[in-house]
Protein backbone atom coordinates (compact mmCIF):
# COMPACT_ATOMS: atom_id res chain seq x y z
CA MET A 1 187.79 79.42 109.44
CA GLY A 2 186.52 80.17 105.81
CA GLN A 3 188.85 77.55 104.26
CA PHE A 4 187.50 74.88 106.50
CA LEU A 5 183.62 75.60 105.89
CA PRO A 6 183.55 73.42 102.71
CA TYR A 7 184.70 70.46 104.67
CA ILE A 8 182.55 71.01 107.53
CA GLN A 9 179.38 71.26 105.13
CA VAL A 10 180.43 68.03 103.37
CA LEU A 11 180.69 66.01 106.62
CA LEU A 12 177.61 67.64 108.01
CA SER A 13 175.74 66.73 104.79
CA ILE A 14 176.92 63.12 104.99
CA LEU A 15 175.83 62.81 108.48
CA LEU A 16 172.45 64.33 107.83
CA VAL A 17 171.76 62.05 104.75
CA ALA A 18 172.69 59.14 107.05
CA GLY A 19 170.38 60.45 110.01
CA ILE A 20 167.37 60.66 107.84
CA LEU A 21 167.89 57.33 105.90
CA LEU A 22 168.24 55.59 109.41
CA GLN A 23 164.73 57.05 110.66
CA ARG A 24 161.78 54.76 110.62
CA SER A 25 159.23 55.54 107.82
CA GLU A 26 155.40 54.44 108.43
CA ALA A 27 154.54 55.84 104.92
CA SER A 28 153.62 53.09 102.36
CA LEU A 29 152.43 53.61 98.59
CA GLY A 30 148.95 53.02 99.86
CA ALA A 31 149.13 55.72 102.72
CA ALA A 32 150.10 58.26 100.07
CA PHE A 33 146.87 57.64 98.32
CA GLY A 34 144.66 57.78 101.16
CA SER A 35 144.32 54.05 101.99
CA GLY A 36 146.45 51.22 103.05
CA ASP A 37 147.59 50.14 106.74
CA ALA A 38 148.08 53.82 108.10
CA GLY A 39 144.75 53.30 110.07
CA GLY A 40 145.48 55.69 112.78
CA THR A 41 148.25 53.93 114.68
CA ARG A 42 150.65 56.56 116.40
CA PHE A 43 153.84 55.83 118.24
CA SER A 44 156.11 57.65 120.19
CA ARG A 45 159.82 57.64 119.81
CA ARG A 46 162.02 56.05 122.55
CA GLY A 47 165.55 55.15 123.07
CA PHE A 48 167.87 55.30 120.01
CA GLU A 49 165.04 56.41 117.60
CA LYS A 50 164.54 59.53 119.88
CA ILE A 51 168.28 60.41 119.93
CA LEU A 52 168.42 59.79 116.23
CA PHE A 53 165.52 61.94 115.41
CA ASN A 54 166.65 64.95 117.71
CA GLY A 55 170.36 64.41 116.34
CA THR A 56 168.89 64.74 112.93
CA ILE A 57 167.36 68.13 113.70
CA VAL A 58 170.61 69.38 115.26
CA LEU A 59 172.47 68.26 112.42
CA ALA A 60 169.98 70.17 110.07
CA VAL A 61 170.33 73.29 111.96
CA LEU A 62 174.20 73.11 111.98
CA PHE A 63 174.17 72.44 108.24
CA ALA A 64 171.85 75.51 107.61
CA ALA A 65 174.14 77.51 109.89
CA SER A 66 177.25 76.69 108.07
CA ALA A 67 175.59 77.30 104.83
CA PHE A 68 174.73 80.78 106.31
CA ALA A 69 178.10 81.51 107.35
CA THR A 70 179.59 80.51 104.02
CA LEU A 71 177.06 82.85 102.31
CA LEU A 72 178.15 85.65 104.56
CA LEU A 73 182.03 85.02 104.48
CA SER A 74 182.00 84.90 100.67
């Protein structure tokens, strides 16, 4: 199992980066400084966006667990 962990971590990291980059971002440069079009609009995640959000959380937990397992096995 220890010999496959680096490959698992590489795969999880690629999937995690892809999941993060595919998510919708509402932050603009103006919103970072307290102005802009961020006027209190809230949205709820539905459909694929919700699946992507939850999948990204699962991937992050799996990546952290694999990193911790690598630390314990080395």
